[in-house]
Amino acid sequence: MFSALIVGHILFGLASFAGSLLLVAGFKTSFHLLTKIQQAGILFTVGGLFATLAFAMGAHGNWFATVVFIILGTSMAGFLAWPRQHSAPTKLK
């Protein structure tokens, strides 16, 4: 039972991590067209996942991994939210 919980936690954690990266990749060109609530939801999802990973690594004393996940999470959120120049504005339907 105990090992099944650990395996499940790892699998669901990896799925969550992959989903967060896919959100960043999927909205990188149209993020500025979303509403503020949609933008905040995506940023909280990405930031919360990386913060959880950094906290878990720090709780186990792996400070290098903690710093790596903090830098990765900050860069992913910044990658989405940083304003870009766009050639032709479009609207999402």
PDB file of N, CA and C in Angstrom:
ATOM      1  N   MET A   1       0.823  -1.199   0.000  1.00  0.00           N
ATOM      2  CA  MET A   1       0.000   0.000   0.000  1.00  0.00           C
ATOM      3  C   MET A   1       0.858   1.250   0.000  1.00  0.00           C
ATOM      4  N   PHE A   2       1.856   1.264   0.875  1.00  0.00           N
ATOM      5  CA  PHE A   2       2.694   2.456   0.994  1.00  0.00           C
ATOM      6  C   PHE A   2       3.446   2.733  -0.297  1.00  0.00           C
ATOM      7  N   SER A   3       3.999   1.704  -0.931  1.00  0.00           N
ATOM      8  CA  SER A   3       4.743   1.918  -2.169  1.00  0.00           C
ATOM      9  C   SER A   3       3.816   2.325  -3.308  1.00  0.00           C
ATOM     10  N   ALA A   4       2.573   1.835  -3.292  1.00  0.00           N
ATOM     11  CA  ALA A   4       1.617   2.243  -4.324  1.00  0.00           C
ATOM     12  C   ALA A   4       1.304   3.735  -4.202  1.00  0.00           C
ATOM     13  N   LEU A   5       1.236   4.257  -2.987  1.00  0.00           N
ATOM     14  CA  LEU A   5       1.007   5.689  -2.796  1.00  0.00           C
ATOM     15  C   LEU A   5       2.177   6.506  -3.318  1.00  0.00           C
ATOM     16  N   ILE A   6       3.372   6.029  -3.077  1.00  0.00           N
ATOM     17  CA  ILE A   6       4.553   6.749  -3.550  1.00  0.00           C
ATOM     18  C   ILE A   6       4.607   6.745  -5.073  1.00  0.00           C
ATOM     19  N   VAL A   7       4.376   5.590  -5.680  1.00  0.00           N
ATOM     20  CA  VAL A   7       4.382   5.495  -7.140  1.00  0.00           C
ATOM     21  C   VAL A   7       3.290   6.378  -7.736  1.00  0.00           C
ATOM     22  N   GLY A   8       2.103   6.348  -7.164  1.00  0.00           N
ATOM     23  CA  GLY A   8       1.027   7.210  -7.649  1.00  0.00           C
ATOM     24  C   GLY A   8       1.358   8.681  -7.520  1.00  0.00           C
ATOM     25  N   HIS A   9       1.957   9.049  -6.404  1.00  0.00           N
ATOM     26  CA  HIS A   9       2.340  10.441  -6.196  1.00  0.00           C
ATOM     27  C   HIS A   9       3.369  10.878  -7.236  1.00  0.00           C
ATOM     28  N   ILE A  10       4.320  10.016  -7.518  1.00  0.00           N
ATOM     29  CA  ILE A  10       5.336  10.331  -8.526  1.00  0.00           C
ATOM     30  C   ILE A  10       4.702  10.461  -9.906  1.00  0.00           C
ATOM     31  N   LEU A  11       3.843   9.530 -10.271  1.00  0.00           N
ATOM     32  CA  LEU A  11       3.214   9.575 -11.601  1.00  0.00           C
ATOM     33  C   LEU A  11       2.334  10.815 -11.767  1.00  0.00           C
ATOM     34  N   PHE A  12       1.506  11.110 -10.763  1.00  0.00           N
ATOM     35  CA  PHE A  12       0.649  12.292 -10.863  1.00  0.00           C
ATOM     36  C   PHE A  12       1.468  13.578 -10.813  1.00  0.00           C
ATOM     37  N   GLY A  13       2.541  13.575 -10.065  1.00  0.00           N
ATOM     38  CA  GLY A  13       3.427  14.739 -10.031  1.00  0.00           C
ATOM     39  C   GLY A  13       4.080  14.990 -11.372  1.00  0.00           C
ATOM     40  N   LEU A  14       4.528  13.919 -12.026  1.00  0.00           N
ATOM     41  CA  LEU A  14       5.126  14.066 -13.357  1.00  0.00           C
ATOM     42  C   LEU A  14       4.092  14.545 -14.376  1.00  0.00           C
ATOM     43  N   ALA A  15       2.865  14.050 -14.265  1.00  0.00           N
ATOM     44  CA  ALA A  15       1.805  14.509 -15.165  1.00  0.00           C
ATOM     45  C   ALA A  15       1.517  15.993 -14.944  1.00  0.00           C
ATOM     46  N   SER A  16       1.506  16.417 -13.703  1.00  0.00           N
ATOM     47  CA  SER A  16       1.283  17.826 -13.389  1.00  0.00           C
ATOM     48  C   SER A  16       2.419  18.688 -13.914  1.00  0.00           C
ATOM     49  N   PHE A  17       3.638  18.213 -13.758  1.00  0.00           N
ATOM     50  CA  PHE A  17       4.809  18.935 -14.263  1.00  0.00           C
ATOM     51  C   PHE A  17       4.745  19.062 -15.783  1.00  0.00           C
ATOM     52  N   ALA A  18       4.425  17.974 -16.473  1.00  0.00           N
ATOM     53  CA  ALA A  18       4.312  18.005 -17.933  1.00  0.00           C
ATOM     54  C   ALA A  18       3.183  18.941 -18.364  1.00  0.00           C
ATOM     55  N   GLY A  19       2.059  18.899 -17.660  1.00  0.00           N
ATOM     56  CA  GLY A  19       0.944  19.786 -17.986  1.00  0.00           C
ATOM     57  C   GLY A  19       1.297  21.247 -17.815  1.00  0.00           C
ATOM     58  N   SER A  20       2.064  21.562 -16.796  1.00  0.00           N
ATOM     59  CA  SER A  20       2.489  22.942 -16.578  1.00  0.00           C
ATOM     60  C   SER A  20       3.390  23.416 -17.707  1.00  0.00           C
ATOM     61  N   LEU A  21       4.320  22.566 -18.122  1.00  0.00           N
ATOM     62  CA  LEU A  21       5.192  22.938 -19.242  1.00  0.00           C
ATOM     63  C   LEU A  21       4.406  23.073 -20.543  1.00  0.00           C
ATOM     64  N   LEU A  22       3.395  22.229 -20.727  1.00  0.00           N
ATOM     65  CA  LEU A  22       2.560  22.334 -21.925  1.00  0.00           C
ATOM     66  C   LEU A  22       1.722  23.614 -21.918  1.00  0.00           C
ATOM     67  N   LEU A  23       1.272  24.051 -20.736  1.00  0.00           N
ATOM     68  CA  LEU A  23       0.566  25.331 -20.652  1.00  0.00           C
ATOM     69  C   LEU A  23       1.463  26.477 -21.117  1.00  0.00           C
ATOM     70  N   VAL A  24       2.696  26.470 -20.667  1.00  0.00           N
ATOM     71  CA  VAL A  24       3.636  27.521 -21.075  1.00  0.00           C
ATOM     72  C   VAL A  24       3.869  27.470 -22.581  1.00  0.00           C
ATOM     73  N   ALA A  25       4.111  26.283 -23.109  1.00  0.00           N
ATOM     74  CA  ALA A  25       4.359  26.149 -24.541  1.00  0.00           C
ATOM     75  C   ALA A  25       3.122  26.506 -25.366  1.00  0.00           C
ATOM     76  N   GLY A  26       1.957  26.102 -24.906  1.00  0.00           N
ATOM     77  CA  GLY A  26       0.731  26.334 -25.658  1.00  0.00           C
ATOM     78  C   GLY A  26       0.280  27.782 -25.698  1.00  0.00           C
ATOM     79  N   PHE A  27       0.572  28.542 -24.662  1.00  0.00           N
ATOM     80  CA  PHE A  27       0.100  29.925 -24.601  1.00  0.00           C
ATOM     81  C   PHE A  27       1.193  30.956 -24.810  1.00  0.00           C
ATOM     82  N   LYS A  28       2.379  30.531 -25.231  1.00  0.00           N
ATOM     83  CA  LYS A  28       3.490  31.480 -25.330  1.00  0.00           C
ATOM     84  C   LYS A  28       3.226  32.596 -26.350  1.00  0.00           C
ATOM     85  N   THR A  29       2.478  32.326 -27.406  1.00  0.00           N
ATOM     86  CA  THR A  29       2.229  33.364 -28.403  1.00  0.00           C
ATOM     87  C   THR A  29       0.904  34.093 -28.192  1.00  0.00           C
ATOM     88  N   SER A  30      -0.027  33.506 -27.450  1.00  0.00           N
ATOM     89  CA  SER A  30      -1.342  34.135 -27.290  1.00  0.00           C
ATOM     90  C   SER A  30      -1.651  34.511 -25.848  1.00  0.00           C
ATOM     91  N   PHE A  31      -0.664  34.469 -24.972  1.00  0.00           N
ATOM     92  CA  PHE A  31      -0.900  34.748 -23.556  1.00  0.00           C
ATOM     93  C   PHE A  31      -1.447  36.152 -23.345  1.00  0.00           C
ATOM     94  N   HIS A  32      -0.947  37.121 -24.103  1.00  0.00           N
ATOM     95  CA  HIS A  32      -1.381  38.506 -23.937  1.00  0.00           C
ATOM     96  C   HIS A  32      -2.834  38.731 -24.361  1.00  0.00           C
ATOM     97  N   LEU A  33      -3.420  37.792 -25.094  1.00  0.00           N
ATOM     98  CA  LEU A  33      -4.810  37.923 -25.536  1.00  0.00           C
ATOM     99  C   LEU A  33      -5.811  37.385 -24.518  1.00  0.00           C
ATOM    100  N   LEU A  34      -5.333  36.672 -23.519  1.00  0.00           N
ATOM    101  CA  LEU A  34      -6.214  36.110 -22.506  1.00  0.00           C
ATOM    102  C   LEU A  34      -6.663  37.188 -21.524  1.00  0.00           C
ATOM    103  N   THR A  35      -7.754  36.919 -20.817  1.00  0.00           N
ATOM    104  CA  THR A  35      -8.195  37.850 -19.783  1.00  0.00           C
ATOM    105  C   THR A  35      -7.220  37.790 -18.608  1.00  0.00           C
ATOM    106  N   LYS A  36      -7.288  38.769 -17.746  1.00  0.00           N
ATOM    107  CA  LYS A  36      -6.391  38.804 -16.587  1.00  0.00           C
ATOM    108  C   LYS A  36      -6.608  37.598 -15.666  1.00  0.00           C
ATOM    109  N   ILE A  37      -7.851  37.152 -15.534  1.00  0.00           N
ATOM    110  CA  ILE A  37      -8.134  35.981 -14.696  1.00  0.00           C
ATOM    111  C   ILE A  37      -7.522  34.726 -15.312  1.00  0.00           C
ATOM    112  N   GLN A  38      -7.634  34.580 -16.632  1.00  0.00           N
ATOM    113  CA  GLN A  38      -7.023  33.430 -17.295  1.00  0.00           C
ATOM    114  C   GLN A  38      -5.498  33.471 -17.166  1.00  0.00           C
ATOM    115  N   GLN A  39      -4.920  34.657 -17.338  1.00  0.00           N
ATOM    116  CA  GLN A  39      -3.475  34.806 -17.183  1.00  0.00           C
ATOM    117  C   GLN A  39      -3.044  34.458 -15.760  1.00  0.00           C
ATOM    118  N   ALA A  40      -3.779  34.969 -14.788  1.00  0.00           N
ATOM    119  CA  ALA A  40      -3.445  34.686 -13.390  1.00  0.00           C
ATOM    120  C   ALA A  40      -3.564  33.197 -13.095  1.00  0.00           C
ATOM    121  N   GLY A  41      -4.583  32.538 -13.631  1.00  0.00           N
ATOM    122  CA  GLY A  41      -4.752  31.107 -13.419  1.00  0.00           C
ATOM    123  C   GLY A  41      -3.576  30.309 -13.952  1.00  0.00           C
ATOM    124  N   ILE A  42      -3.110  30.644 -15.121  1.00  0.00           N
ATOM    125  CA  ILE A  42      -1.969  29.939 -15.700  1.00  0.00           C
ATOM    126  C   ILE A  42      -0.701  30.238 -14.909  1.00  0.00           C
ATOM    127  N   LEU A  43      -0.492  31.492 -14.541  1.00  0.00           N
ATOM    128  CA  LEU A  43       0.709  31.847 -13.778  1.00  0.00           C
ATOM    129  C   LEU A  43       0.710  31.198 -12.399  1.00  0.00           C
ATOM    130  N   PHE A  44      -0.442  31.138 -11.742  1.00  0.00           N
ATOM    131  CA  PHE A  44      -0.527  30.472 -10.434  1.00  0.00           C
ATOM    132  C   PHE A  44      -0.291  28.965 -10.562  1.00  0.00           C
ATOM    133  N   THR A  45      -0.779  28.368 -11.640  1.00  0.00           N
ATOM    134  CA  THR A  45      -0.563  26.940 -11.858  1.00  0.00           C
ATOM    135  C   THR A  45       0.922  26.641 -12.048  1.00  0.00           C
ATOM    136  N   VAL A  46       1.562  27.384 -12.922  1.00  0.00           N
ATOM    137  CA  VAL A  46       2.991  27.177 -13.186  1.00  0.00           C
ATOM    138  C   VAL A  46       3.812  27.514 -11.946  1.00  0.00           C
ATOM    139  N   GLY A  47       3.545  28.672 -11.343  1.00  0.00           N
ATOM    140  CA  GLY A  47       4.294  29.078 -10.158  1.00  0.00           C
ATOM    141  C   GLY A  47       4.084  28.150  -8.980  1.00  0.00           C
ATOM    142  N   GLY A  48       2.847  27.715  -8.774  1.00  0.00           N
ATOM    143  CA  GLY A  48       2.550  26.812  -7.665  1.00  0.00           C
ATOM    144  C   GLY A  48       3.224  25.457  -7.811  1.00  0.00           C
ATOM    145  N   LEU A  49       3.269  24.953  -9.020  1.00  0.00           N
ATOM    146  CA  LEU A  49       3.925  23.670  -9.237  1.00  0.00           C
ATOM    147  C   LEU A  49       5.418  23.766  -8.944  1.00  0.00           C
ATOM    148  N   PHE A  50       6.061  24.781  -9.488  1.00  0.00           N
ATOM    149  CA  PHE A  50       7.498  24.920  -9.255  1.00  0.00           C
ATOM    150  C   PHE A  50       7.796  25.258  -7.795  1.00  0.00           C
ATOM    151  N   ALA A  51       6.924  26.015  -7.141  1.00  0.00           N
ATOM    152  CA  ALA A  51       7.119  26.312  -5.716  1.00  0.00           C
ATOM    153  C   ALA A  51       6.987  25.041  -4.882  1.00  0.00           C
ATOM    154  N   THR A  52       6.041  24.171  -5.238  1.00  0.00           N
ATOM    155  CA  THR A  52       5.881  22.905  -4.537  1.00  0.00           C
ATOM    156  C   THR A  52       7.119  22.028  -4.691  1.00  0.00           C
ATOM    157  N   LEU A  53       7.643  21.971  -5.900  1.00  0.00           N
ATOM    158  CA  LEU A  53       8.857  21.188  -6.138  1.00  0.00           C
ATOM    159  C   LEU A  53      10.045  21.758  -5.369  1.00  0.00           C
ATOM    160  N   ALA A  54      10.191  23.080  -5.384  1.00  0.00           N
ATOM    161  CA  ALA A  54      11.295  23.707  -4.652  1.00  0.00           C
ATOM    162  C   ALA A  54      11.163  23.464  -3.151  1.00  0.00           C
ATOM    163  N   PHE A  55       9.950  23.558  -2.625  1.00  0.00           N
ATOM    164  CA  PHE A  55       9.717  23.307  -1.203  1.00  0.00           C
ATOM    165  C   PHE A  55      10.064  21.865  -0.835  1.00  0.00           C
ATOM    166  N   ALA A  56       9.638  20.922  -1.672  1.00  0.00           N
ATOM    167  CA  ALA A  56       9.923  19.516  -1.396  1.00  0.00           C
ATOM    168  C   ALA A  56      11.430  19.246  -1.419  1.00  0.00           C
ATOM    169  N   MET A  57      12.120  19.827  -2.371  1.00  0.00           N
ATOM    170  CA  MET A  57      13.573  19.635  -2.444  1.00  0.00           C
ATOM    171  C   MET A  57      14.269  20.289  -1.245  1.00  0.00           C
ATOM    172  N   GLY A  58      13.820  21.464  -0.865  1.00  0.00           N
ATOM    173  CA  GLY A  58      14.404  22.144   0.294  1.00  0.00           C
ATOM    174  C   GLY A  58      14.130  21.415   1.591  1.00  0.00           C
ATOM    175  N   ALA A  59      12.954  20.805   1.705  1.00  0.00           N
ATOM    176  CA  ALA A  59      12.611  20.068   2.918  1.00  0.00           C
ATOM    177  C   ALA A  59      13.495  18.846   3.107  1.00  0.00           C
ATOM    178  N   HIS A  60      14.011  18.334   2.016  1.00  0.00           N
ATOM    179  CA  HIS A  60      14.900  17.169   2.092  1.00  0.00           C
ATOM    180  C   HIS A  60      16.363  17.562   2.067  1.00  0.00           C
ATOM    181  N   GLY A  61      16.649  18.864   2.132  1.00  0.00           N
ATOM    182  CA  GLY A  61      18.026  19.330   2.233  1.00  0.00           C
ATOM    183  C   GLY A  61      18.777  19.441   0.928  1.00  0.00           C
ATOM    184  N   ASN A  62      18.095  19.297  -0.202  1.00  0.00           N
ATOM    185  CA  ASN A  62      18.755  19.412  -1.496  1.00  0.00           C
ATOM    186  C   ASN A  62      18.638  20.863  -1.969  1.00  0.00           C
ATOM    187  N   TRP A  63      19.540  21.694  -1.512  1.00  0.00           N
ATOM    188  CA  TRP A  63      19.458  23.129  -1.788  1.00  0.00           C
ATOM    189  C   TRP A  63      19.769  23.471  -3.231  1.00  0.00           C
ATOM    190  N   PHE A  64      20.614  22.686  -3.874  1.00  0.00           N
ATOM    191  CA  PHE A  64      20.912  22.925  -5.286  1.00  0.00           C
ATOM    192  C   PHE A  64      19.643  22.765  -6.123  1.00  0.00           C
ATOM    193  N   ALA A  65      18.903  21.667  -5.908  1.00  0.00           N
ATOM    194  CA  ALA A  65      17.658  21.433  -6.642  1.00  0.00           C
ATOM    195  C   ALA A  65      16.618  22.499  -6.305  1.00  0.00           C
ATOM    196  N   THR A  66      16.623  22.957  -5.050  1.00  0.00           N
ATOM    197  CA  THR A  66      15.693  24.019  -4.658  1.00  0.00           C
ATOM    198  C   THR A  66      15.937  25.273  -5.475  1.00  0.00           C
ATOM    199  N   VAL A  67      17.182  25.667  -5.576  1.00  0.00           N
ATOM    200  CA  VAL A  67      17.529  26.871  -6.347  1.00  0.00           C
ATOM    201  C   VAL A  67      17.214  26.671  -7.829  1.00  0.00           C
ATOM    202  N   VAL A  68      17.490  25.485  -8.353  1.00  0.00           N
ATOM    203  CA  VAL A  68      17.202  25.202  -9.760  1.00  0.00           C
ATOM    204  C   VAL A  68      15.704  25.331 -10.042  1.00  0.00           C
ATOM    205  N   PHE A  69      14.850  24.770  -9.171  1.00  0.00           N
ATOM    206  CA  PHE A  69      13.407  24.845  -9.395  1.00  0.00           C
ATOM    207  C   PHE A  69      12.872  26.268  -9.209  1.00  0.00           C
ATOM    208  N   ILE A  70      13.464  27.037  -8.316  1.00  0.00           N
ATOM    209  CA  ILE A  70      13.055  28.440  -8.167  1.00  0.00           C
ATOM    210  C   ILE A  70      13.402  29.218  -9.431  1.00  0.00           C
ATOM    211  N   ILE A  71      14.594  28.998  -9.964  1.00  0.00           N
ATOM    212  CA  ILE A  71      15.001  29.691 -11.194  1.00  0.00           C
ATOM    213  C   ILE A  71      14.144  29.247 -12.375  1.00  0.00           C
ATOM    214  N   LEU A  72      13.887  27.951 -12.495  1.00  0.00           N
ATOM    215  CA  LEU A  72      13.046  27.454 -13.588  1.00  0.00           C
ATOM    216  C   LEU A  72      11.623  28.001 -13.512  1.00  0.00           C
ATOM    217  N   GLY A  73      11.038  27.986 -12.328  1.00  0.00           N
ATOM    218  CA  GLY A  73       9.676  28.494 -12.169  1.00  0.00           C
ATOM    219  C   GLY A  73       9.571  29.971 -12.471  1.00  0.00           C
ATOM    220  N   THR A  74      10.536  30.744 -11.993  1.00  0.00           N
ATOM    221  CA  THR A  74      10.541  32.184 -12.257  1.00  0.00           C
ATOM    222  C   THR A  74      10.720  32.461 -13.741  1.00  0.00           C
ATOM    223  N   SER A  75      11.607  31.712 -14.382  1.00  0.00           N
ATOM    224  CA  SER A  75      11.830  31.941 -15.810  1.00  0.00           C
ATOM    225  C   SER A  75      10.624  31.525 -16.646  1.00  0.00           C
ATOM    226  N   MET A  76       9.949  30.439 -16.257  1.00  0.00           N
ATOM    227  CA  MET A  76       8.752  30.027 -16.995  1.00  0.00           C
ATOM    228  C   MET A  76       7.635  31.056 -16.868  1.00  0.00           C
ATOM    229  N   ALA A  77       7.414  31.541 -15.665  1.00  0.00           N
ATOM    230  CA  ALA A  77       6.376  32.564 -15.472  1.00  0.00           C
ATOM    231  C   ALA A  77       6.759  33.848 -16.194  1.00  0.00           C
ATOM    232  N   GLY A  78       8.024  34.220 -16.130  1.00  0.00           N
ATOM    233  CA  GLY A  78       8.486  35.409 -16.838  1.00  0.00           C
ATOM    234  C   GLY A  78       8.393  35.260 -18.336  1.00  0.00           C
ATOM    235  N   PHE A  79       8.655  34.055 -18.833  1.00  0.00           N
ATOM    236  CA  PHE A  79       8.555  33.786 -20.267  1.00  0.00           C
ATOM    237  C   PHE A  79       7.145  34.042 -20.775  1.00  0.00           C
ATOM    238  N   LEU A  80       6.158  33.708 -19.975  1.00  0.00           N
ATOM    239  CA  LEU A  80       4.773  33.947 -20.371  1.00  0.00           C
ATOM    240  C   LEU A  80       4.370  35.410 -20.228  1.00  0.00           C
ATOM    241  N   ALA A  81       4.705  36.000 -19.104  1.00  0.00           N
ATOM    242  CA  ALA A  81       4.180  37.322 -18.765  1.00  0.00           C
ATOM    243  C   ALA A  81       4.968  38.471 -19.376  1.00  0.00           C
ATOM    244  N   TRP A  82       6.192  38.226 -19.814  1.00  0.00           N
ATOM    245  CA  TRP A  82       7.016  39.305 -20.353  1.00  0.00           C
ATOM    246  C   TRP A  82       6.391  39.841 -21.631  1.00  0.00           C
ATOM    247  N   PRO A  83       6.196  41.167 -21.741  1.00  0.00           N
ATOM    248  CA  PRO A  83       5.576  41.715 -22.951  1.00  0.00           C
ATOM    249  C   PRO A  83       6.473  41.514 -24.177  1.00  0.00           C
ATOM    250  N   ARG A  84       5.842  41.224 -25.302  1.00  0.00           N
ATOM    251  CA  ARG A  84       6.571  41.019 -26.555  1.00  0.00           C
ATOM    252  C   ARG A  84       6.028  41.955 -27.623  1.00  0.00           C
ATOM    253  N   GLN A  85       6.822  42.146 -28.657  1.00  0.00           N
ATOM    254  CA  GLN A  85       6.360  42.870 -29.838  1.00  0.00           C
ATOM    255  C   GLN A  85       5.618  41.889 -30.727  1.00  0.00           C
ATOM    256  N   HIS A  86       4.461  42.292 -31.217  1.00  0.00           N
ATOM    257  CA  HIS A  86       3.665  41.422 -32.066  1.00  0.00           C
ATOM    258  C   HIS A  86       3.433  42.117 -33.391  1.00  0.00           C
ATOM    259  N   SER A  87       3.536  41.358 -34.485  1.00  0.00           N
ATOM    260  CA  SER A  87       3.398  41.940 -35.799  1.00  0.00           C
ATOM    261  C   SER A  87       1.951  42.303 -36.132  1.00  0.00           C
ATOM    262  N   ALA A  88       1.025  41.425 -35.828  1.00  0.00           N
ATOM    263  CA  ALA A  88      -0.385  41.697 -36.122  1.00  0.00           C
ATOM    264  C   ALA A  88      -1.239  41.211 -34.956  1.00  0.00           C
ATOM    265  N   PRO A  89      -1.937  42.119 -34.280  1.00  0.00           N
ATOM    266  CA  PRO A  89      -2.775  41.679 -33.171  1.00  0.00           C
ATOM    267  C   PRO A  89      -3.947  40.838 -33.670  1.00  0.00           C
ATOM    268  N   THR A  90      -4.228  39.772 -32.958  1.00  0.00           N
ATOM    269  CA  THR A  90      -5.357  38.907 -33.304  1.00  0.00           C
ATOM    270  C   THR A  90      -6.192  38.672 -32.066  1.00  0.00           C
ATOM    271  N   LYS A  91      -7.401  38.255 -32.266  1.00  0.00           N
ATOM    272  CA  LYS A  91      -8.289  37.950 -31.154  1.00  0.00           C
ATOM    273  C   LYS A  91      -8.551  36.451 -31.107  1.00  0.00           C
ATOM    274  N   LEU A  92      -8.612  35.924 -29.878  1.00  0.00           N
ATOM    275  CA  LEU A  92      -8.994  34.521 -29.723  1.00  0.00           C
ATOM    276  C   LEU A  92     -10.502  34.394 -29.841  1.00  0.00           C
ATOM    277  N   LYS A  93     -10.961  33.320 -30.430  1.00  0.00           N
ATOM    278  CA  LYS A  93     -12.414  33.121 -30.565  1.00  0.00           C
ATOM    279  C   LYS A  93     -12.923  32.199 -29.515  1.00  0.00           C
TER     280      LYS A  93
END
